[in-house]
Amino acid sequence: MQIFRKAFLISLLLGFISLSLAAQDVSNNSLDSCEKLMSQGYVPDGQDYKARLNKNNRARFHTIFYSGNRYCLAACSNITDKPLVMKVYDSERNLLFDNRKHGYTPMWHLDFASTVSCVVEIEVEAEKHCDKLVKLLIGFKKPHPTQERLEQ
């Protein structure tokens, strides 16, 4: 009886561990699962950022990040054999973020102290042209409820 109880508790514990790991999985950045990459507490900006990769296997998206806001960016594609490279440049082509320095993570948070016009570039490092669709999601941090009351 004692052995069955231990086996049951171990299997229950392993089930909870696998559920928590699945909830934190950011490796699935397919087009269908892209919204799941958006961090909790972030609101999508409502724009539809989709494009086919050009002949250099890049897609560029122009956006403005506003001062004092925290953003969540997610890059998605159905390309499974190559990681997506996501870079953020300011209007003078200064590199602000490169996900290659962070294990090709498909999602990242960025803070902006001033309003900046930016280019977000999604790229696939491949020798041949990948005629595939890529998607960028941009979300911003929802204000804390106490901050909303102060503004009203």
C-alpha atoms as a PDB file:
ATOM      1  CA  MET A   1       0.000   0.000   0.000  1.00  0.00           C
ATOM      2  CA  GLN A   2       2.830   2.366   0.902  1.00  0.00           C
ATOM      3  CA  ILE A   3       4.523   1.739  -2.478  1.00  0.00           C
ATOM      4  CA  PHE A   4       1.330   2.556  -4.395  1.00  0.00           C
ATOM      5  CA  ARG A   5       0.914   5.793  -2.445  1.00  0.00           C
ATOM      6  CA  LYS A   6       4.497   6.859  -3.224  1.00  0.00           C
ATOM      7  CA  ALA A   7       4.092   5.944  -6.898  1.00  0.00           C
ATOM      8  CA  PHE A   8       0.855   7.950  -7.063  1.00  0.00           C
ATOM      9  CA  LEU A   9       2.446  11.005  -5.420  1.00  0.00           C
ATOM     10  CA  ILE A  10       5.485  10.841  -7.706  1.00  0.00           C
ATOM     11  CA  SER A  11       3.340  10.590 -10.847  1.00  0.00           C
ATOM     12  CA  LEU A  12       1.159  13.464  -9.612  1.00  0.00           C
ATOM     13  CA  LEU A  13       4.236  15.597  -8.943  1.00  0.00           C
ATOM     14  CA  LEU A  14       5.704  14.817 -12.373  1.00  0.00           C
ATOM     15  CA  GLY A  15       2.386  15.766 -13.973  1.00  0.00           C
ATOM     16  CA  PHE A  16       2.443  19.185 -12.285  1.00  0.00           C
ATOM     17  CA  ILE A  17       6.065  19.749 -13.313  1.00  0.00           C
ATOM     18  CA  SER A  18       5.327  18.918 -16.957  1.00  0.00           C
ATOM     19  CA  LEU A  19       2.284  21.231 -16.935  1.00  0.00           C
ATOM     20  CA  SER A  20       4.303  24.137 -15.565  1.00  0.00           C
ATOM     21  CA  LEU A  21       7.066  23.548 -18.124  1.00  0.00           C
ATOM     22  CA  ALA A  22       4.544  23.467 -20.965  1.00  0.00           C
ATOM     23  CA  ALA A  23       3.034  26.747 -19.766  1.00  0.00           C
ATOM     24  CA  GLN A  24       6.461  28.422 -19.955  1.00  0.00           C
ATOM     25  CA  ASP A  25       7.424  26.994 -23.359  1.00  0.00           C
ATOM     26  CA  VAL A  26       8.459  29.765 -25.755  1.00  0.00           C
ATOM     27  CA  SER A  27       9.957  27.417 -28.324  1.00  0.00           C
ATOM     28  CA  ASN A  28       6.667  27.104 -30.233  1.00  0.00           C
ATOM     29  CA  ASN A  29       6.565  30.300 -32.233  1.00  0.00           C
ATOM     30  CA  SER A  30       4.399  29.051 -35.090  1.00  0.00           C
ATOM     31  CA  LEU A  31       1.974  31.468 -36.732  1.00  0.00           C
ATOM     32  CA  ASP A  32      -0.984  29.705 -35.086  1.00  0.00           C
ATOM     33  CA  SER A  33       0.571  29.913 -31.601  1.00  0.00           C
ATOM     34  CA  CYS A  34       1.991  33.430 -31.837  1.00  0.00           C
ATOM     35  CA  GLU A  35      -0.573  35.039 -29.517  1.00  0.00           C
ATOM     36  CA  LYS A  36       0.444  32.598 -26.765  1.00  0.00           C
ATOM     37  CA  LEU A  37       3.888  34.219 -26.704  1.00  0.00           C
ATOM     38  CA  MET A  38       2.447  37.552 -25.577  1.00  0.00           C
ATOM     39  CA  SER A  39       3.231  37.945 -21.896  1.00  0.00           C
ATOM     40  CA  GLN A  40       0.408  38.146 -19.411  1.00  0.00           C
ATOM     41  CA  GLY A  41      -0.493  41.744 -18.612  1.00  0.00           C
ATOM     42  CA  TYR A  42       0.296  42.969 -22.137  1.00  0.00           C
ATOM     43  CA  VAL A  43      -2.277  44.231 -24.620  1.00  0.00           C
ATOM     44  CA  PRO A  44      -1.699  43.780 -28.382  1.00  0.00           C
ATOM     45  CA  ASP A  45      -1.399  47.123 -30.186  1.00  0.00           C
ATOM     46  CA  GLY A  46      -4.051  46.102 -32.729  1.00  0.00           C
ATOM     47  CA  GLN A  47      -1.764  46.279 -35.765  1.00  0.00           C
ATOM     48  CA  ASP A  48      -1.371  43.319 -38.108  1.00  0.00           C
ATOM     49  CA  TYR A  49       2.342  42.901 -38.798  1.00  0.00           C
ATOM     50  CA  LYS A  50       2.665  40.113 -41.387  1.00  0.00           C
ATOM     51  CA  ALA A  51       4.980  39.928 -44.377  1.00  0.00           C
ATOM     52  CA  ARG A  52       6.664  37.475 -46.715  1.00  0.00           C
ATOM     53  CA  LEU A  53      10.411  37.244 -46.411  1.00  0.00           C
ATOM     54  CA  ASN A  54      12.181  39.151 -49.189  1.00  0.00           C
ATOM     55  CA  LYS A  55      14.972  37.689 -51.342  1.00  0.00           C
ATOM     56  CA  ASN A  56      17.418  38.330 -48.460  1.00  0.00           C
ATOM     57  CA  ASN A  57      15.132  36.365 -46.103  1.00  0.00           C
ATOM     58  CA  ARG A  58      14.161  39.516 -44.196  1.00  0.00           C
ATOM     59  CA  ALA A  59      10.974  41.344 -43.388  1.00  0.00           C
ATOM     60  CA  ARG A  60      10.907  44.874 -41.962  1.00  0.00           C
ATOM     61  CA  PHE A  61       8.202  46.471 -39.870  1.00  0.00           C
ATOM     62  CA  HIS A  62       8.109  50.190 -39.027  1.00  0.00           C
ATOM     63  CA  THR A  63       6.639  51.276 -35.709  1.00  0.00           C
ATOM     64  CA  ILE A  64       6.855  53.919 -33.011  1.00  0.00           C
ATOM     65  CA  PHE A  65       7.576  53.047 -29.399  1.00  0.00           C
ATOM     66  CA  TYR A  66       6.332  55.701 -26.998  1.00  0.00           C
ATOM     67  CA  SER A  67       8.192  57.093 -24.029  1.00  0.00           C
ATOM     68  CA  GLY A  68       7.585  55.551 -20.620  1.00  0.00           C
ATOM     69  CA  ASN A  69       6.059  52.341 -21.969  1.00  0.00           C
ATOM     70  CA  ARG A  70       7.131  48.720 -21.723  1.00  0.00           C
ATOM     71  CA  TYR A  71       6.554  46.576 -24.807  1.00  0.00           C
ATOM     72  CA  CYS A  72       6.460  42.861 -25.524  1.00  0.00           C
ATOM     73  CA  LEU A  73       7.630  41.811 -29.001  1.00  0.00           C
ATOM     74  CA  ALA A  74       7.071  38.324 -30.423  1.00  0.00           C
ATOM     75  CA  ALA A  75       8.349  36.982 -33.759  1.00  0.00           C
ATOM     76  CA  CYS A  76       6.577  34.023 -35.366  1.00  0.00           C
ATOM     77  CA  SER A  77       6.742  31.842 -38.462  1.00  0.00           C
ATOM     78  CA  ASN A  78       6.038  28.304 -39.589  1.00  0.00           C
ATOM     79  CA  ILE A  79       9.720  27.852 -40.443  1.00  0.00           C
ATOM     80  CA  THR A  80      10.791  24.958 -38.245  1.00  0.00           C
ATOM     81  CA  ASP A  81      14.337  24.191 -39.342  1.00  0.00           C
ATOM     82  CA  LYS A  82      15.885  27.656 -38.833  1.00  0.00           C
ATOM     83  CA  PRO A  83      15.577  30.061 -35.898  1.00  0.00           C
ATOM     84  CA  LEU A  84      14.109  33.520 -36.423  1.00  0.00           C
ATOM     85  CA  VAL A  85      16.406  36.475 -35.868  1.00  0.00           C
ATOM     86  CA  MET A  86      14.623  39.515 -34.447  1.00  0.00           C
ATOM     87  CA  LYS A  87      16.403  42.868 -34.397  1.00  0.00           C
ATOM     88  CA  VAL A  88      15.203  46.313 -33.370  1.00  0.00           C
ATOM     89  CA  TYR A  89      16.841  49.413 -34.841  1.00  0.00           C
ATOM     90  CA  ASP A  90      16.200  53.081 -34.151  1.00  0.00           C
ATOM     91  CA  SER A  91      15.678  55.546 -37.010  1.00  0.00           C
ATOM     92  CA  GLU A  92      19.452  56.091 -37.319  1.00  0.00           C
ATOM     93  CA  ARG A  93      20.001  52.334 -37.727  1.00  0.00           C
ATOM     94  CA  ASN A  94      21.494  51.891 -34.233  1.00  0.00           C
ATOM     95  CA  LEU A  95      20.904  48.338 -33.057  1.00  0.00           C
ATOM     96  CA  LEU A  96      18.756  48.366 -29.904  1.00  0.00           C
ATOM     97  CA  PHE A  97      18.079  44.629 -29.597  1.00  0.00           C
ATOM     98  CA  ASP A  98      19.261  41.393 -31.250  1.00  0.00           C
ATOM     99  CA  ASN A  99      17.747  38.098 -30.106  1.00  0.00           C
ATOM    100  CA  ARG A 100      20.827  36.148 -31.257  1.00  0.00           C
ATOM    101  CA  LYS A 101      22.484  37.396 -28.066  1.00  0.00           C
ATOM    102  CA  HIS A 102      19.640  35.774 -26.110  1.00  0.00           C
ATOM    103  CA  GLY A 103      19.433  32.287 -27.602  1.00  0.00           C
ATOM    104  CA  TYR A 104      17.105  33.302 -30.468  1.00  0.00           C
ATOM    105  CA  THR A 105      14.251  33.868 -28.057  1.00  0.00           C
ATOM    106  CA  PRO A 106      11.062  34.595 -30.035  1.00  0.00           C
ATOM    107  CA  MET A 107       9.757  37.029 -27.373  1.00  0.00           C
ATOM    108  CA  TRP A 108      11.352  39.965 -25.567  1.00  0.00           C
ATOM    109  CA  HIS A 109      10.396  42.947 -23.389  1.00  0.00           C
ATOM    110  CA  LEU A 110      11.691  46.421 -24.172  1.00  0.00           C
ATOM    111  CA  ASP A 111      11.408  49.676 -22.203  1.00  0.00           C
ATOM    112  CA  PHE A 112      11.631  53.096 -23.832  1.00  0.00           C
ATOM    113  CA  ALA A 113      12.596  56.250 -21.942  1.00  0.00           C
ATOM    114  CA  SER A 114      11.831  58.434 -24.955  1.00  0.00           C
ATOM    115  CA  THR A 115       9.615  58.126 -28.019  1.00  0.00           C
ATOM    116  CA  VAL A 116      11.514  56.347 -30.786  1.00  0.00           C
ATOM    117  CA  SER A 117      10.663  55.513 -34.380  1.00  0.00           C
ATOM    118  CA  CYS A 118      11.998  51.995 -34.970  1.00  0.00           C
ATOM    119  CA  VAL A 119      12.390  49.244 -37.514  1.00  0.00           C
ATOM    120  CA  VAL A 120      11.828  45.702 -36.307  1.00  0.00           C
ATOM    121  CA  GLU A 121      13.506  43.237 -38.609  1.00  0.00           C
ATOM    122  CA  ILE A 122      12.757  39.512 -38.720  1.00  0.00           C
ATOM    123  CA  GLU A 123      15.290  37.410 -40.579  1.00  0.00           C
ATOM    124  CA  VAL A 124      16.048  33.772 -41.304  1.00  0.00           C
ATOM    125  CA  GLU A 125      19.704  32.846 -41.704  1.00  0.00           C
ATOM    126  CA  ALA A 126      19.484  30.544 -44.728  1.00  0.00           C
ATOM    127  CA  GLU A 127      21.476  30.214 -47.928  1.00  0.00           C
ATOM    128  CA  LYS A 128      18.382  29.839 -50.122  1.00  0.00           C
ATOM    129  CA  HIS A 129      15.342  32.086 -50.283  1.00  0.00           C
ATOM    130  CA  CYS A 130      12.594  31.085 -47.848  1.00  0.00           C
ATOM    131  CA  ASP A 131       9.321  32.193 -49.386  1.00  0.00           C
ATOM    132  CA  LYS A 132       7.535  32.120 -46.037  1.00  0.00           C
ATOM    133  CA  LEU A 133       5.265  34.369 -44.031  1.00  0.00           C
ATOM    134  CA  VAL A 134       6.492  35.912 -40.770  1.00  0.00           C
ATOM    135  CA  LYS A 135       4.484  37.707 -38.130  1.00  0.00           C
ATOM    136  CA  LEU A 136       5.378  40.268 -35.490  1.00  0.00           C
ATOM    137  CA  LEU A 137       3.246  40.912 -32.428  1.00  0.00           C
ATOM    138  CA  ILE A 138       3.706  44.058 -30.400  1.00  0.00           C
ATOM    139  CA  GLY A 139       1.976  44.496 -27.080  1.00  0.00           C
ATOM    140  CA  PHE A 140       2.226  47.132 -24.413  1.00  0.00           C
ATOM    141  CA  LYS A 141       2.007  46.758 -20.652  1.00  0.00           C
ATOM    142  CA  LYS A 142      -1.437  47.399 -19.263  1.00  0.00           C
ATOM    143  CA  PRO A 143      -1.367  50.202 -16.709  1.00  0.00           C
ATOM    144  CA  HIS A 144      -1.690  49.134 -13.093  1.00  0.00           C
ATOM    145  CA  PRO A 145      -5.285  49.689 -11.801  1.00  0.00           C
ATOM    146  CA  THR A 146      -4.093  52.298  -9.272  1.00  0.00           C
ATOM    147  CA  GLN A 147      -2.409  54.256 -12.089  1.00  0.00           C
ATOM    148  CA  GLU A 148      -5.651  54.239 -14.111  1.00  0.00           C
ATOM    149  CA  ARG A 149      -7.534  55.765 -11.157  1.00  0.00           C
ATOM    150  CA  LEU A 150      -4.930  58.502 -10.729  1.00  0.00           C
ATOM    151  CA  GLU A 151      -5.297  59.527 -14.386  1.00  0.00           C
ATOM    152  CA  GLN A 152      -9.088  59.836 -14.180  1.00  0.00           C
END
